Each structure stands twice: as structure tokens, then as C-alpha cells.
C-alpha atoms as a PDB file:
ATOM      1  CA  MET A   1      -0.125  -0.025  -0.065  1.00  0.00           C
ATOM      2  CA  GLN A   2       1.633   3.283  -1.052  1.00  0.00           C
ATOM      3  CA  LEU A   3       1.186   6.389   1.045  1.00  0.00           C
ATOM      4  CA  ASN A   4       2.245   9.911   0.045  1.00  0.00           C
ATOM      5  CA  PHE A   5       3.335  12.549   2.504  1.00  0.00           C
ATOM      6  CA  LYS A   6       4.574  16.072   2.513  1.00  0.00           C
ATOM      7  CA  VAL A   7       7.271  16.130   5.324  1.00  0.00           C
ATOM      8  CA  PHE A   8       7.758  19.365   7.122  1.00  0.00           C
ATOM      9  CA  ALA A   9      11.171  19.595   8.838  1.00  0.00           C
ATOM     10  CA  LYS A  10      12.127  21.835  11.652  1.00  0.00           C
ATOM     11  CA  ASP A  11      14.670  23.549   9.356  1.00  0.00           C
ATOM     12  CA  GLY A  12      14.565  23.608   5.542  1.00  0.00           C
ATOM     13  CA  PRO A  13      11.774  23.343   2.932  1.00  0.00           C
ATOM     14  CA  PRO A  14       9.173  20.643   2.932  1.00  0.00           C
ATOM     15  CA  ARG A  15       9.664  17.548   0.747  1.00  0.00           C
ATOM     16  CA  ASP A  16       7.439  14.992  -0.791  1.00  0.00           C
ATOM     17  CA  ILE A  17       7.893  11.312  -0.094  1.00  0.00           C
ATOM     18  CA  ALA A  18       6.205   8.059  -0.962  1.00  0.00           C
ATOM     19  CA  ILE A  19       6.377   4.969   0.950  1.00  0.00           C
ATOM     20  CA  ASP A  20       5.167   1.368   0.448  1.00  0.00           C
ATOM     21  CA  ILE A  21       3.583  -0.136   3.598  1.00  0.00           C
ATOM     22  CA  GLU A  22       3.310  -3.930   3.775  1.00  0.00           C
ATOM     23  CA  GLU A  23       2.925  -4.324   7.587  1.00  0.00           C
ATOM     24  CA  LEU A  24       0.427  -2.385   9.775  1.00  0.00           C
ATOM     25  CA  VAL A  25       0.514  -2.632  13.592  1.00  0.00           C
ATOM     26  CA  VAL A  26      -2.172  -1.048  15.861  1.00  0.00           C
ATOM     27  CA  ALA A  27      -0.615  -0.666  19.311  1.00  0.00           C
ATOM     28  CA  GLY A  28      -3.518  -0.989  21.706  1.00  0.00           C
ATOM     29  CA  TRP A  29      -3.782  -0.125  25.405  1.00  0.00           C
ATOM     30  CA  ALA A  30      -0.799   2.069  25.016  1.00  0.00           C
ATOM     31  CA  GLY A  31      -1.451   4.484  27.812  1.00  0.00           C
ATOM     32  CA  ARG A  32       1.548   5.476  30.064  1.00  0.00           C
ATOM     33  CA  ASP A  33      -0.607   5.867  33.212  1.00  0.00           C
ATOM     34  CA  ARG A  34      -2.139   2.623  34.485  1.00  0.00           C
ATOM     35  CA  ASP A  35      -5.197   4.534  35.753  1.00  0.00           C
ATOM     36  CA  ALA A  36      -5.654   6.109  32.371  1.00  0.00           C
ATOM     37  CA  ILE A  37      -5.432   2.606  30.713  1.00  0.00           C
ATOM     38  CA  GLU A  38      -8.044   1.346  33.212  1.00  0.00           C
ATOM     39  CA  HIS A  39     -10.369   4.190  32.289  1.00  0.00           C
ATOM     40  CA  HIS A  40     -10.217   3.360  28.646  1.00  0.00           C
ATOM     41  CA  ILE A  41     -10.688  -0.357  29.355  1.00  0.00           C
ATOM     42  CA  GLU A  42     -13.824   0.512  31.432  1.00  0.00           C
ATOM     43  CA  GLU A  43     -14.947   2.876  28.607  1.00  0.00           C
ATOM     44  CA  LEU A  44     -14.870   0.079  26.131  1.00  0.00           C
ATOM     45  CA  ALA A  45     -16.229  -2.492  28.750  1.00  0.00           C
ATOM     46  CA  ALA A  46     -19.406  -0.448  28.779  1.00  0.00           C
ATOM     47  CA  LEU A  47     -19.784  -1.252  25.168  1.00  0.00           C
ATOM     48  CA  GLY A  48     -19.256  -4.892  25.849  1.00  0.00           C
ATOM     49  CA  VAL A  49     -15.575  -5.165  24.907  1.00  0.00           C
ATOM     50  CA  PRO A  50     -13.634  -7.765  26.879  1.00  0.00           C
ATOM     51  CA  ARG A  51     -10.574  -6.834  28.846  1.00  0.00           C
ATOM     52  CA  PRO A  52      -7.271  -7.200  27.158  1.00  0.00           C
ATOM     53  CA  SER A  53      -4.972 -10.030  28.080  1.00  0.00           C
ATOM     54  CA  LYS A  54      -1.987  -7.703  28.601  1.00  0.00           C
ATOM     55  CA  VAL A  55      -0.937  -4.171  27.909  1.00  0.00           C
ATOM     56  CA  PRO A  56       0.141  -2.957  25.514  1.00  0.00           C
ATOM     57  CA  LEU A  57      -1.193  -5.313  22.714  1.00  0.00           C
ATOM     58  CA  TYR A  58      -0.114  -5.244  19.144  1.00  0.00           C
ATOM     59  CA  TYR A  59      -2.901  -5.921  16.664  1.00  0.00           C
ATOM     60  CA  ARG A  60      -2.014  -6.745  13.000  1.00  0.00           C
ATOM     61  CA  VAL A  61      -4.252  -5.079  10.470  1.00  0.00           C
ATOM     62  CA  ALA A  62      -4.052  -5.550   6.668  1.00  0.00           C
ATOM     63  CA  ALA A  63      -1.895  -2.823   5.213  1.00  0.00           C
ATOM     64  CA  ASN A  64      -4.483  -2.186   2.367  1.00  0.00           C
ATOM     65  CA  GLN A  65      -6.803  -0.718   5.074  1.00  0.00           C
ATOM     66  CA  LEU A  66      -4.695   2.452   5.071  1.00  0.00           C
ATOM     67  CA  VAL A  67      -6.342   5.315   2.972  1.00  0.00           C
ATOM     68  CA  GLN A  68      -5.572   8.994   2.576  1.00  0.00           C
ATOM     69  CA  SER A  69      -9.005   9.922   1.271  1.00  0.00           C
ATOM     70  CA  GLU A  70     -11.366  12.440   2.732  1.00  0.00           C
ATOM     71  CA  ARG A  71     -14.357  10.148   2.536  1.00  0.00           C
ATOM     72  CA  VAL A  72     -14.672   6.541   3.780  1.00  0.00           C
ATOM     73  CA  GLN A  73     -17.384   3.993   3.890  1.00  0.00           C
ATOM     74  CA  VAL A  74     -18.429   1.754   6.723  1.00  0.00           C
ATOM     75  CA  ILE A  75     -21.156  -0.840   7.255  1.00  0.00           C
ATOM     76  CA  GLY A  76     -23.882   0.163   9.693  1.00  0.00           C
ATOM     77  CA  LYS A  77     -23.890   2.937  12.359  1.00  0.00           C
ATOM     78  CA  ASP A  78     -21.682   1.350  14.996  1.00  0.00           C
ATOM     79  CA  SER A  79     -18.227   2.588  14.097  1.00  0.00           C
ATOM     80  CA  SER A  80     -16.203   5.499  15.232  1.00  0.00           C
ATOM     81  CA  GLY A  81     -12.711   7.106  14.780  1.00  0.00           C
ATOM     82  CA  GLU A  82      -9.825   7.456  17.149  1.00  0.00           C
ATOM     83  CA  ALA A  83      -7.034   9.887  16.630  1.00  0.00           C
ATOM     84  CA  GLU A  84      -3.512   8.253  16.878  1.00  0.00           C
ATOM     85  CA  VAL A  85       0.119   9.060  16.035  1.00  0.00           C
ATOM     86  CA  LEU A  86       1.297   7.052  13.116  1.00  0.00           C
ATOM     87  CA  VAL A  87       5.075   6.195  12.896  1.00  0.00           C
ATOM     88  CA  PHE A  88       6.993   4.633  10.026  1.00  0.00           C
ATOM     89  CA  THR A  89      10.529   4.616   8.702  1.00  0.00           C
ATOM     90  CA  HIS A  90      11.737   6.338   5.559  1.00  0.00           C
ATOM     91  CA  ALA A  91      15.312   6.264   4.316  1.00  0.00           C
ATOM     92  CA  GLY A  92      16.489   4.937   7.777  1.00  0.00           C
ATOM     93  CA  GLU A  93      14.713   7.749   9.689  1.00  0.00           C
ATOM     94  CA  LEU A  94      11.596   7.604  11.876  1.00  0.00           C
ATOM     95  CA  MET A  95       8.759   9.819  10.584  1.00  0.00           C
ATOM     96  CA  VAL A  96       5.560  10.979  12.512  1.00  0.00           C
ATOM     97  CA  SER A  97       2.181  11.411  10.996  1.00  0.00           C
ATOM     98  CA  LEU A  98      -1.503  10.981  12.095  1.00  0.00           C
ATOM     99  CA  ALA A  99      -3.997   8.334  11.558  1.00  0.00           C
ATOM    100  CA  SER A 100      -7.533   7.326  12.756  1.00  0.00           C
ATOM    101  CA  ASP A 101      -7.971   3.822  14.148  1.00  0.00           C
ATOM    102  CA  HIS A 102     -11.588   3.759  12.958  1.00  0.00           C
ATOM    103  CA  THR A 103     -13.232   0.805  14.601  1.00  0.00           C
ATOM    104  CA  ASP A 104     -16.509  -1.095  14.420  1.00  0.00           C
ATOM    105  CA  ARG A 105     -17.687  -0.984  18.067  1.00  0.00           C
ATOM    106  CA  ARG A 106     -20.369  -3.616  17.801  1.00  0.00           C
ATOM    107  CA  LEU A 107     -17.862  -6.131  16.418  1.00  0.00           C
ATOM    108  CA  GLU A 108     -15.347  -5.079  19.041  1.00  0.00           C
ATOM    109  CA  ALA A 109     -17.432  -6.745  21.669  1.00  0.00           C
ATOM    110  CA  HIS A 110     -16.802 -10.051  19.847  1.00  0.00           C
ATOM    111  CA  SER A 111     -13.171  -9.410  18.768  1.00  0.00           C
ATOM    112  CA  VAL A 112     -11.051  -6.449  19.063  1.00  0.00           C
ATOM    113  CA  ALA A 113      -8.801  -7.774  16.290  1.00  0.00           C
ATOM    114  CA  PHE A 114     -11.699  -8.324  13.772  1.00  0.00           C
ATOM    115  CA  SER A 115     -13.201  -4.934  14.662  1.00  0.00           C
ATOM    116  CA  LYS A 116     -10.040  -3.117  13.649  1.00  0.00           C
ATOM    117  CA  GLN A 117      -9.695  -5.066  10.515  1.00  0.00           C
ATOM    118  CA  LEU A 118     -13.165  -4.361   9.363  1.00  0.00           C
ATOM    119  CA  CYS A 119     -12.717  -0.478   9.052  1.00  0.00           C
ATOM    120  CA  VAL A 120     -10.228   1.434   6.902  1.00  0.00           C
ATOM    121  CA  LYS A 121      -7.642   3.554   8.619  1.00  0.00           C
ATOM    122  CA  PRO A 122      -7.665   7.203   7.316  1.00  0.00           C
ATOM    123  CA  VAL A 123      -4.155   8.805   7.271  1.00  0.00           C
ATOM    124  CA  ALA A 124      -3.073  12.365   7.081  1.00  0.00           C
ATOM    125  CA  ARG A 125      -1.058  13.547   4.026  1.00  0.00           C
ATOM    126  CA  THR A 126       1.623  15.470   6.145  1.00  0.00           C
ATOM    127  CA  ALA A 127       4.413  14.257   8.341  1.00  0.00           C
ATOM    128  CA  TRP A 128       7.248  15.392  10.592  1.00  0.00           C
ATOM    129  CA  ARG A 129      10.635  14.039  11.261  1.00  0.00           C
ATOM    130  CA  PHE A 130      10.661  12.345  14.822  1.00  0.00           C
ATOM    131  CA  VAL A 131      14.029  13.893  15.620  1.00  0.00           C
ATOM    132  CA  ASP A 132      12.486  17.340  15.351  1.00  0.00           C
ATOM    133  CA  VAL A 133       9.856  16.593  18.022  1.00  0.00           C
ATOM    134  CA  ALA A 134      11.615  13.900  20.169  1.00  0.00           C
ATOM    135  CA  GLU A 135      12.856  16.359  22.885  1.00  0.00           C
ATOM    136  CA  HIS A 136       9.390  17.801  23.525  1.00  0.00           C
ATOM    137  CA  TRP A 137       7.399  14.745  22.653  1.00  0.00           C
ATOM    138  CA  ASP A 138       5.289  14.882  25.781  1.00  0.00           C
ATOM    139  CA  GLN A 139       4.070  18.374  24.928  1.00  0.00           C
ATOM    140  CA  LEU A 140       2.503  17.423  21.680  1.00  0.00           C
ATOM    141  CA  VAL A 141      -1.336  17.269  21.903  1.00  0.00           C
ATOM    142  CA  LEU A 142      -3.711  14.716  20.177  1.00  0.00           C
ATOM    143  CA  ARG A 143      -7.130  16.174  19.446  1.00  0.00           C
ATOM    144  CA  SER A 144     -10.276  15.290  17.544  1.00  0.00           C
ATOM    145  CA  ASP A 145     -13.717  16.685  16.901  1.00  0.00           C
ATOM    146  CA  ILE A 146     -16.959  15.085  15.814  1.00  0.00           C
ATOM    147  CA  VAL A 147     -20.253  16.693  14.476  1.00  0.00           C
ATOM    148  CA  GLU A 148     -23.353  16.391  16.610  1.00  0.00           C
ATOM    149  CA  GLY A 149     -26.413  18.051  15.139  1.00  0.00           C
ATOM    150  CA  ASP A 150     -25.032  20.919  13.150  1.00  0.00           C
ATOM    151  CA  ALA A 151     -22.117  21.735  15.482  1.00  0.00           C
ATOM    152  CA  ALA A 152     -18.552  20.512  15.871  1.00  0.00           C
ATOM    153  CA  VAL A 153     -17.749  19.230  19.393  1.00  0.00           C
ATOM    154  CA  ALA A 154     -14.513  18.248  20.942  1.00  0.00           C
ATOM    155  CA  TYR A 155     -14.194  14.523  21.050  1.00  0.00           C
ATOM    156  CA  GLN A 156     -10.611  13.949  22.160  1.00  0.00           C
ATOM    157  CA  ASP A 157      -7.952  16.289  23.693  1.00  0.00           C
ATOM    158  CA  GLY A 158      -4.941  15.073  25.579  1.00  0.00           C
ATOM    159  CA  PRO A 159      -1.014  15.379  25.565  1.00  0.00           C
ATOM    160  CA  LEU A 160       1.229  12.593  24.425  1.00  0.00           C
ATOM    161  CA  ALA A 161       2.492  12.469  27.931  1.00  0.00           C
ATOM    162  CA  MET A 162      -0.467  10.173  28.658  1.00  0.00           C
ATOM    163  CA  LEU A 163       0.768   7.565  26.119  1.00  0.00           C
ATOM    164  CA  ARG A 164       3.788   5.448  25.879  1.00  0.00           C
ATOM    165  CA  ARG A 165       6.625   6.838  23.786  1.00  0.00           C
ATOM    166  CA  PRO A 166       6.840   5.475  20.258  1.00  0.00           C
ATOM    167  CA  LEU A 167      10.367   4.077  20.700  1.00  0.00           C
ATOM    168  CA  ASP A 168       9.118   2.070  23.677  1.00  0.00           C
ATOM    169  CA  LEU A 169       6.139   0.714  21.687  1.00  0.00           C
ATOM    170  CA  ILE A 170       8.461  -0.051  18.785  1.00  0.00           C
ATOM    171  CA  ALA A 171      10.888  -1.840  20.982  1.00  0.00           C
ATOM    172  CA  GLY A 172       8.112  -3.944  22.478  1.00  0.00           C
ATOM    173  CA  TYR A 173       6.960  -5.102  19.098  1.00  0.00           C
ATOM    174  CA  THR A 174      10.305  -5.619  17.516  1.00  0.00           C
ATOM    175  CA  GLY A 175      12.104  -7.257  20.563  1.00  0.00           C
ATOM    176  CA  GLY A 176      14.214  -4.377  21.434  1.00  0.00           C
ATOM    177  CA  GLN A 177      14.885  -2.463  18.154  1.00  0.00           C
ATOM    178  CA  THR A 178      13.821   1.208  18.169  1.00  0.00           C
ATOM    179  CA  LEU A 179      13.503   1.665  14.478  1.00  0.00           C
ATOM    180  CA  LEU A 180      10.592   0.096  12.613  1.00  0.00           C
ATOM    181  CA  PRO A 181      11.540  -2.091   9.632  1.00  0.00           C
ATOM    182  CA  ALA A 182      11.033  -0.637   6.288  1.00  0.00           C
ATOM    183  CA  GLY A 183       7.533  -1.036   4.988  1.00  0.00           C
ATOM    184  CA  CYS A 184       6.008  -1.252   8.616  1.00  0.00           C
ATOM    185  CA  ALA A 185       3.712   1.398  10.093  1.00  0.00           C
ATOM    186  CA  MET A 186       2.495   1.556  13.653  1.00  0.00           C
ATOM    187  CA  THR A 187      -0.279   3.530  15.351  1.00  0.00           C
ATOM    188  CA  CYS A 188       0.614   4.449  18.900  1.00  0.00           C
ATOM    189  CA  GLY A 189      -2.496   4.534  21.035  1.00  0.00           C
ATOM    190  CA  THR A 190      -5.109   7.087  21.748  1.00  0.00           C
ATOM    191  CA  VAL A 191      -6.581   9.353  24.407  1.00  0.00           C
ATOM    192  CA  ALA A 192      -9.920   8.939  26.060  1.00  0.00           C
ATOM    193  CA  ALA A 193     -13.133  10.109  24.258  1.00  0.00           C
ATOM    194  CA  ILE A 194     -14.846  13.112  25.916  1.00  0.00           C
ATOM    195  CA  GLY A 195     -18.369  12.089  26.786  1.00  0.00           C
ATOM    196  CA  GLY A 196     -17.962   8.501  25.726  1.00  0.00           C
ATOM    197  CA  ILE A 197     -17.355   6.602  22.485  1.00  0.00           C
ATOM    198  CA  ARG A 198     -19.875   7.410  19.775  1.00  0.00           C
ATOM    199  CA  PRO A 199     -20.220   7.529  16.032  1.00  0.00           C
ATOM    200  CA  SER A 200     -20.234  10.623  13.746  1.00  0.00           C
ATOM    201  CA  ALA A 201     -20.592  11.355  10.117  1.00  0.00           C
ATOM    202  CA  SER A 202     -17.446  13.497  10.253  1.00  0.00           C
ATOM    203  CA  PHE A 203     -14.174  13.049  12.129  1.00  0.00           C
ATOM    204  CA  ALA A 204     -11.519  15.784  12.262  1.00  0.00           C
ATOM    205  CA  MET A 205      -8.101  14.946  14.013  1.00  0.00           C
ATOM    206  CA  GLU A 206      -5.100  16.970  14.871  1.00  0.00           C
ATOM    207  CA  LEU A 207      -1.498  16.494  16.326  1.00  0.00           C
ATOM    208  CA  ALA A 208      -0.555  19.784  17.589  1.00  0.00           C
ATOM    209  CA  ASP A 209       2.959  21.006  18.532  1.00  0.00           C
ATOM    210  CA  PRO A 210       2.869  23.964  20.736  1.00  0.00           C
ATOM    211  CA  VAL A 211       6.593  24.349  20.879  1.00  0.00           C
ATOM    212  CA  LEU A 212       7.153  24.606  17.052  1.00  0.00           C
ATOM    213  CA  GLN A 213       3.711  26.023  16.679  1.00  0.00           C
ATOM    214  CA  ARG A 214       2.446  23.809  13.983  1.00  0.00           C
ATOM    215  CA  SER A 215       0.046  20.846  13.444  1.00  0.00           C
ATOM    216  CA  LEU A 216      -0.734  17.830  11.442  1.00  0.00           C
ATOM    217  CA  ARG A 217      -4.430  17.635  10.593  1.00  0.00           C
ATOM    218  CA  HIS A 218      -6.798  15.388   8.647  1.00  0.00           C
ATOM    219  CA  THR A 219     -10.509  15.384   8.264  1.00  0.00           C
ATOM    220  CA  TYR A 220     -12.798  12.714   6.748  1.00  0.00           C
ATOM    221  CA  ALA A 221     -16.479  12.151   6.104  1.00  0.00           C
ATOM    222  CA  VAL A 222     -18.055   8.701   7.012  1.00  0.00           C
ATOM    223  CA  ASP A 223     -20.737   7.177   4.624  1.00  0.00           C
ATOM    224  CA  MET A 224     -22.661   4.582   6.558  1.00  0.00           C
ATOM    225  CA  LEU A 225     -23.791   1.918   4.208  1.00  0.00           C
ATOM    226  CA  ALA A 226     -26.994  -0.124   5.059  1.00  0.00           C
ATOM    227  CA  GLU A 227     -26.542  -3.343   6.867  1.00  0.00           C
ATOM    228  CA  VAL A 228     -28.426  -5.827   4.763  1.00  0.00           C
ATOM    229  CA  ALA A 229     -29.424  -9.162   6.221  1.00  0.00           C
END
């Protein structure tokens, strides 16, 4: 699956890159604070989702589920987005972007792995070099908005200090290496939903850098297809 990004460096002009992703990993239950993890577990348990066997967990999802479009299609009315950092390797260097772990919540009560596989994963078209944000990583902020009625409402808002650092997540998956293999992309966990997990016909996400005063953003619309028996 080929993804295209415009990489904005701390110094120098932006550049365009294309990467081929053959392996997609969704790092789940990736909170740094045990109490925050428990909150998210309870949040999903209210929807019937079983507790994880351990934390973090690494779910494999087909790489062809990655999309960079502004409109996606899902079956039924039971799916919702989750803003997450996306990391990948390009030319031997770790890059940072933004993705939504869009998930079918009804299927999640049966199998988290199947629920993640069912939905496509929208990805931003912009990225940063990890080295440019590594020193102030915990100050980066993950946000998302959804539409309820005719108004946009805050759905997620939290600093990355609440989540495990990407190098730790990568090492946990690779057995100690802190650079993802070429062709592998990983999402790095999410922050809690404000007011509970719920669907929306539109999902806007942002990774904000208050130090360098810039953001990665992506918005997508959701077409809910009829569930035909």
C-alpha cells in the first residue's frame, strides 16, 4: 500500500515522499498511566468489549486498510474514529504522522482484532521528522472533533505524555529495536473520548506541536452503508 506525505522539517523546505507499507501494527492499550489505561478499558467494557490479556497489545491489520482519502465507507452505524500518532521509517529515519484507528464498536464486543480489521484507517498527508519533536514529545497534543447536530464538538484532547513513547512501543513489538523495519507502520495509541465513544458522520483529527507552533491535521467524512441481512 503506497502512502504519500509532505514532510515538514524543523529546518529547511518541505519535501514529498512516497512509502510502500506492507505491515500495519495497531498498538492498543498504550497508555503510560495505569489509571488512564483502566479508564479506557472501562470505557470500552461499557460497550461489551472484553478486557485485554495484557498491555500494550499489538494488533495486526491488513496494510491495504490504510487510506488517505477524505471520505470513507463503513457498514452500519456502530463505528467511530480514534486519533492516533502514526510512525513509519523512511530512508532509515523515523517519521511521524497522524491516523484514525476507525473501529466497528459492535464487532469489538466479539473481537477487537476483527473490529479493527473491518474498518479502513484514514491517514493524514503530512508528516514530521521524529528527531524534530523527540525532545518535547510529551508536549504534543492529540485532538479530534466530531459533528453532533449541526455543530462540531470536542471528542478527544490530551497530551502525548499520557501515552507510551513510540520508541518504547516499537521496541516492545520488535524485541528491542527502536526503528521500525522498512515497510512497517504503527499507530501508537489514543486518548479517551470526551463524553464517551460514539459515532459521527465526520471526524477531524489533529496532532498539535505547541513548541514549534504547527499541526498535522486530517478530516474525513463517513458514509454509513446499510446493513443488509
